[in-house]
Amino acid sequence: MIAGRDCACKKRIILTMDDDQTKTEEWFGIKGDIQYIPLWKWLQRPDIPGT
């Protein structure tokens, strides 16, 4: 969350084994949406940022 704030990131992504969801998280008073994506799905979809 802090790195996302410092870099002004609009999309935060965490690669997982099988979780596929979006959550609103809070860390030290900083709130933001985090998208959890399975690695295999992230590698297959060019429309997901970071691929």
Protein backbone atom coordinates (compact mmCIF):
# COMPACT_ATOMS: atom_id res chain seq x y z
CA MET A 1 0.00 0.00 0.00
CA ILE A 2 2.75 2.44 0.90
CA ALA A 3 4.68 1.73 -2.31
CA GLY A 4 1.44 2.22 -4.27
CA ARG A 5 0.94 5.59 -2.60
CA ASP A 6 4.52 6.72 -3.15
CA CYS A 7 4.46 5.71 -6.82
CA ALA A 8 0.91 7.00 -7.39
CA CYS A 9 -0.19 3.55 -8.56
CA LYS A 10 -3.84 3.24 -9.47
CA LYS A 11 -3.86 -0.56 -9.75
CA ARG A 12 -2.27 -2.77 -7.14
CA ILE A 13 -1.88 -6.43 -8.06
CA ILE A 14 -0.76 -9.39 -6.00
CA LEU A 15 -0.02 -12.61 -7.88
CA THR A 16 -1.31 -15.72 -6.12
CA MET A 17 -1.61 -19.45 -6.60
CA ASP A 18 -5.40 -19.48 -6.93
CA ASP A 19 -7.06 -16.40 -5.38
CA ASP A 20 -9.03 -14.33 -7.88
CA GLN A 21 -10.67 -11.38 -6.16
CA THR A 22 -10.50 -7.67 -5.45
CA LYS A 23 -10.39 -6.42 -1.87
CA THR A 24 -10.26 -3.03 -0.23
CA GLU A 25 -7.41 -3.16 2.25
CA GLU A 26 -6.08 -0.70 4.83
CA TRP A 27 -2.47 -0.50 5.99
CA PHE A 28 -1.40 2.16 8.51
CA GLY A 29 -4.38 4.32 7.59
CA ILE A 30 -3.86 4.03 3.83
CA LYS A 31 -6.83 2.48 2.01
CA GLY A 32 -6.83 1.05 -1.48
CA ASP A 33 -8.12 -1.70 -3.72
CA ILE A 34 -5.87 -4.67 -4.32
CA GLN A 35 -6.53 -7.16 -7.09
CA TYR A 36 -5.47 -10.74 -6.32
CA ILE A 37 -4.83 -12.66 -9.56
CA PRO A 38 -3.59 -16.23 -10.09
CA LEU A 39 -0.21 -16.21 -11.82
CA TRP A 40 -1.42 -18.43 -14.68
CA LYS A 41 -4.25 -15.98 -15.46
CA TRP A 42 -1.94 -12.97 -15.32
CA LEU A 43 0.44 -14.63 -17.79
CA GLN A 44 -2.39 -15.42 -20.24
CA ARG A 45 -4.12 -12.02 -20.31
CA PRO A 46 -2.29 -9.13 -21.99
CA ASP A 47 -4.97 -6.65 -20.86
CA ILE A 48 -3.92 -6.94 -17.19
CA PRO A 49 -1.39 -4.22 -16.27
CA GLY A 50 2.17 -5.40 -15.84
CA THR A 51 2.10 -8.09 -18.52
